[in-house]
């Protein structure tokens, strides 16, 4: 069974030149990488919360989101390109 892939901007890979520039510390390239993974980081940061009446709410845990962004940033800056 074949699966169809979407051909929109969200499913594309980051170009190598952007990854290389981000690993070298280029601020604009780092922002492109962070923006590319923003939706994924947000989806990982969603937590189920209950209010005092027992109602369930889903919300983004901002502390976790910031920690994931920081971890990605550190990984970008420590990334070594192998040729």
N, C-alpha and C. Protein backbone atom coordinates (compact mmCIF):
# COMPACT_ATOMS: atom_id res chain seq x y z
N UNK A 1 0.84 -1.18 0.00
CA UNK A 1 0.00 0.00 0.00
C UNK A 1 0.89 1.24 0.00
N UNK A 2 0.62 2.14 -0.91
CA UNK A 2 1.39 3.37 -1.00
C UNK A 2 0.77 4.45 -0.13
N UNK A 3 1.63 5.25 0.45
CA UNK A 3 1.14 6.39 1.21
C UNK A 3 1.47 7.66 0.45
N UNK A 4 0.57 8.60 0.50
CA UNK A 4 0.77 9.86 -0.19
C UNK A 4 1.47 10.84 0.74
N UNK A 5 2.41 11.57 0.20
CA UNK A 5 3.10 12.59 0.97
C UNK A 5 2.59 13.95 0.55
N UNK A 6 2.48 14.83 1.50
CA UNK A 6 2.07 16.19 1.20
C UNK A 6 3.26 16.95 0.62
N UNK A 7 3.01 17.76 -0.36
CA UNK A 7 4.06 18.59 -0.95
C UNK A 7 3.89 20.03 -0.51
N UNK A 8 3.83 20.24 0.78
CA UNK A 8 3.75 21.62 1.26
C UNK A 8 5.02 21.97 2.01
N UNK A 9 5.11 23.18 2.44
CA UNK A 9 6.31 23.71 3.07
C UNK A 9 6.65 22.99 4.37
N UNK A 10 5.64 22.51 5.10
CA UNK A 10 5.88 21.92 6.41
C UNK A 10 6.58 20.57 6.34
N UNK A 11 6.45 19.83 5.25
CA UNK A 11 7.02 18.49 5.19
C UNK A 11 8.38 18.46 4.52
N UNK A 12 8.87 19.56 4.07
CA UNK A 12 10.17 19.60 3.39
C UNK A 12 11.30 19.57 4.40
N UNK A 13 12.40 19.00 3.96
CA UNK A 13 13.60 18.99 4.79
C UNK A 13 14.31 20.33 4.70
N UNK A 14 15.08 20.63 5.71
CA UNK A 14 15.87 21.85 5.67
C UNK A 14 17.02 21.66 4.67
N UNK A 15 17.33 22.68 3.88
CA UNK A 15 18.45 22.57 2.96
C UNK A 15 19.78 22.43 3.72
N UNK A 16 20.72 21.75 3.09
CA UNK A 16 22.02 21.53 3.72
C UNK A 16 22.71 22.85 4.03
N UNK A 17 22.58 23.83 3.15
CA UNK A 17 23.26 25.11 3.37
C UNK A 17 22.74 25.81 4.63
N UNK A 18 21.46 25.64 4.95
CA UNK A 18 20.90 26.22 6.17
C UNK A 18 21.45 25.50 7.39
N UNK A 19 21.52 24.18 7.32
CA UNK A 19 22.07 23.41 8.44
C UNK A 19 23.53 23.76 8.67
N UNK A 20 24.29 23.87 7.58
CA UNK A 20 25.71 24.21 7.69
C UNK A 20 25.89 25.60 8.30
N UNK A 21 25.10 26.56 7.82
CA UNK A 21 25.21 27.93 8.35
C UNK A 21 24.81 27.98 9.82
N UNK A 22 23.78 27.23 10.20
CA UNK A 22 23.35 27.21 11.60
C UNK A 22 24.42 26.59 12.49
N UNK A 23 25.06 25.54 12.01
CA UNK A 23 26.13 24.89 12.79
C UNK A 23 27.33 25.81 12.95
N UNK A 24 27.51 26.73 12.00
CA UNK A 24 28.61 27.70 12.08
C UNK A 24 28.23 28.92 12.90
N UNK A 25 26.98 29.01 13.35
CA UNK A 25 26.56 30.09 14.24
C UNK A 25 25.81 31.23 13.59
N UNK A 26 25.39 31.09 12.34
CA UNK A 26 24.63 32.14 11.66
C UNK A 26 23.26 32.28 12.32
N UNK A 27 22.95 33.48 12.80
CA UNK A 27 21.73 33.74 13.56
C UNK A 27 20.47 33.49 12.71
N UNK A 28 20.47 33.95 11.47
CA UNK A 28 19.29 33.76 10.61
C UNK A 28 19.04 32.28 10.33
N UNK A 29 20.10 31.53 10.11
CA UNK A 29 19.95 30.10 9.86
C UNK A 29 19.44 29.37 11.10
N UNK A 30 19.92 29.78 12.26
CA UNK A 30 19.45 29.18 13.52
C UNK A 30 17.96 29.45 13.69
N UNK A 31 17.52 30.66 13.37
CA UNK A 31 16.09 30.99 13.46
C UNK A 31 15.27 30.14 12.48
N UNK A 32 15.82 29.89 11.29
CA UNK A 32 15.10 29.04 10.33
C UNK A 32 14.94 27.62 10.87
N UNK A 33 15.98 27.10 11.50
CA UNK A 33 15.91 25.75 12.06
C UNK A 33 14.90 25.71 13.21
N UNK A 34 14.96 26.71 14.09
CA UNK A 34 14.02 26.76 15.21
C UNK A 34 12.58 26.90 14.72
N UNK A 35 12.35 27.72 13.69
CA UNK A 35 11.01 27.87 13.13
C UNK A 35 10.54 26.58 12.46
N UNK A 36 11.47 25.86 11.84
CA UNK A 36 11.12 24.61 11.18
C UNK A 36 10.59 23.58 12.19
N UNK A 37 11.20 23.54 13.36
CA UNK A 37 10.82 22.56 14.38
C UNK A 37 9.85 23.10 15.42
N UNK A 38 9.36 24.33 15.24
CA UNK A 38 8.48 24.95 16.23
C UNK A 38 7.20 24.14 16.47
N UNK A 39 6.57 23.68 15.42
CA UNK A 39 5.34 22.91 15.58
C UNK A 39 5.57 21.59 16.29
N UNK A 40 6.67 20.93 15.95
CA UNK A 40 6.99 19.65 16.60
C UNK A 40 7.28 19.85 18.08
N UNK A 41 8.03 20.89 18.41
CA UNK A 41 8.34 21.18 19.81
C UNK A 41 7.07 21.51 20.57
N UNK A 42 6.19 22.28 19.96
CA UNK A 42 4.92 22.62 20.62
C UNK A 42 4.07 21.38 20.85
N UNK A 43 4.02 20.48 19.87
CA UNK A 43 3.23 19.26 20.06
C UNK A 43 3.81 18.37 21.14
N UNK A 44 5.13 18.37 21.29
CA UNK A 44 5.75 17.60 22.38
C UNK A 44 5.50 18.23 23.74
N UNK A 45 5.21 19.52 23.76
CA UNK A 45 5.05 20.26 25.02
C UNK A 45 3.62 20.28 25.53
N UNK A 46 2.68 19.70 24.81
CA UNK A 46 1.27 19.72 25.25
C UNK A 46 1.09 18.75 26.41
N UNK A 47 0.46 19.25 27.46
CA UNK A 47 0.21 18.45 28.67
C UNK A 47 -1.27 18.48 29.01
N UNK A 48 -1.73 17.39 29.60
CA UNK A 48 -3.12 17.30 30.05
C UNK A 48 -3.19 17.83 31.47
N UNK A 49 -4.04 18.83 31.68
CA UNK A 49 -4.20 19.44 32.99
C UNK A 49 -5.66 19.29 33.44
N UNK A 50 -5.85 19.23 34.73
CA UNK A 50 -7.21 19.19 35.29
C UNK A 50 -7.40 20.41 36.17
N UNK A 51 -8.59 21.03 36.05
CA UNK A 51 -8.90 22.16 36.93
C UNK A 51 -9.49 21.64 38.23
N UNK A 52 -9.89 22.55 39.10
CA UNK A 52 -10.37 22.13 40.42
C UNK A 52 -11.70 21.39 40.37
N UNK A 53 -12.40 21.46 39.22
CA UNK A 53 -13.66 20.75 39.06
C UNK A 53 -13.48 19.40 38.38
N UNK A 54 -12.26 19.06 38.02
CA UNK A 54 -11.99 17.78 37.37
C UNK A 54 -12.08 17.81 35.86
N UNK A 55 -12.30 18.99 35.28
CA UNK A 55 -12.37 19.12 33.82
C UNK A 55 -10.95 19.02 33.25
N UNK A 56 -10.83 18.31 32.14
CA UNK A 56 -9.54 18.11 31.50
C UNK A 56 -9.31 19.19 30.45
N UNK A 57 -8.14 19.78 30.49
CA UNK A 57 -7.72 20.79 29.51
C UNK A 57 -6.34 20.41 29.00
N UNK A 58 -6.10 20.68 27.73
CA UNK A 58 -4.78 20.47 27.16
C UNK A 58 -4.16 21.83 26.93
N UNK A 59 -2.95 22.00 27.41
CA UNK A 59 -2.27 23.28 27.23
C UNK A 59 -0.78 23.03 27.04
N UNK A 60 -0.12 24.04 26.49
CA UNK A 60 1.31 23.96 26.24
C UNK A 60 2.05 24.30 27.53
N UNK A 61 2.93 23.41 27.94
CA UNK A 61 3.79 23.64 29.09
C UNK A 61 4.96 24.51 28.61
N UNK A 62 4.91 25.79 28.92
CA UNK A 62 5.90 26.74 28.41
C UNK A 62 7.31 26.42 28.91
N UNK A 63 7.43 25.93 30.12
CA UNK A 63 8.74 25.58 30.65
C UNK A 63 9.35 24.44 29.84
N UNK A 64 8.56 23.43 29.56
CA UNK A 64 9.04 22.30 28.76
C UNK A 64 9.37 22.75 27.34
N UNK A 65 8.53 23.60 26.76
CA UNK A 65 8.77 24.11 25.40
C UNK A 65 10.09 24.86 25.33
N UNK A 66 10.35 25.71 26.32
CA UNK A 66 11.61 26.46 26.35
C UNK A 66 12.81 25.54 26.55
N UNK A 67 12.64 24.51 27.36
CA UNK A 67 13.74 23.56 27.58
C UNK A 67 14.05 22.80 26.30
N UNK A 68 13.01 22.40 25.55
CA UNK A 68 13.23 21.70 24.29
C UNK A 68 13.89 22.62 23.26
N UNK A 69 13.47 23.88 23.21
CA UNK A 69 14.10 24.84 22.30
C UNK A 69 15.56 25.05 22.66
N UNK A 70 15.85 25.15 23.95
CA UNK A 70 17.23 25.33 24.39
C UNK A 70 18.09 24.13 24.04
N UNK A 71 17.53 22.93 24.21
CA UNK A 71 18.25 21.71 23.87
C UNK A 71 18.54 21.65 22.38
N UNK A 72 17.56 22.04 21.55
CA UNK A 72 17.77 22.07 20.11
C UNK A 72 18.84 23.10 19.75
N UNK A 73 18.80 24.25 20.38
CA UNK A 73 19.80 25.29 20.12
C UNK A 73 21.20 24.81 20.46
N UNK A 74 21.36 24.15 21.60
CA UNK A 74 22.67 23.63 21.98
C UNK A 74 23.13 22.54 21.01
N UNK A 75 22.19 21.73 20.54
CA UNK A 75 22.54 20.68 19.59
C UNK A 75 22.97 21.28 18.26
N UNK A 76 22.31 22.34 17.83
CA UNK A 76 22.68 23.02 16.58
C UNK A 76 24.10 23.56 16.69
N UNK A 77 24.40 24.23 17.79
CA UNK A 77 25.71 24.85 17.94
C UNK A 77 26.83 23.83 18.13
N UNK A 78 26.52 22.66 18.67
CA UNK A 78 27.53 21.61 18.86
C UNK A 78 27.58 20.62 17.71
N UNK A 79 26.76 20.82 16.68
CA UNK A 79 26.67 19.89 15.56
C UNK A 79 27.94 19.96 14.72
N UNK A 80 28.53 18.80 14.47
CA UNK A 80 29.75 18.72 13.65
C UNK A 80 29.41 18.08 12.31
N UNK A 81 29.75 18.78 11.24
CA UNK A 81 29.51 18.26 9.89
C UNK A 81 30.64 17.31 9.51
N UNK A 82 30.27 16.16 8.96
CA UNK A 82 31.25 15.17 8.52
C UNK A 82 31.24 15.15 7.00
N UNK A 83 32.40 15.27 6.43
CA UNK A 83 32.52 15.25 4.97
C UNK A 83 33.29 14.07 4.52
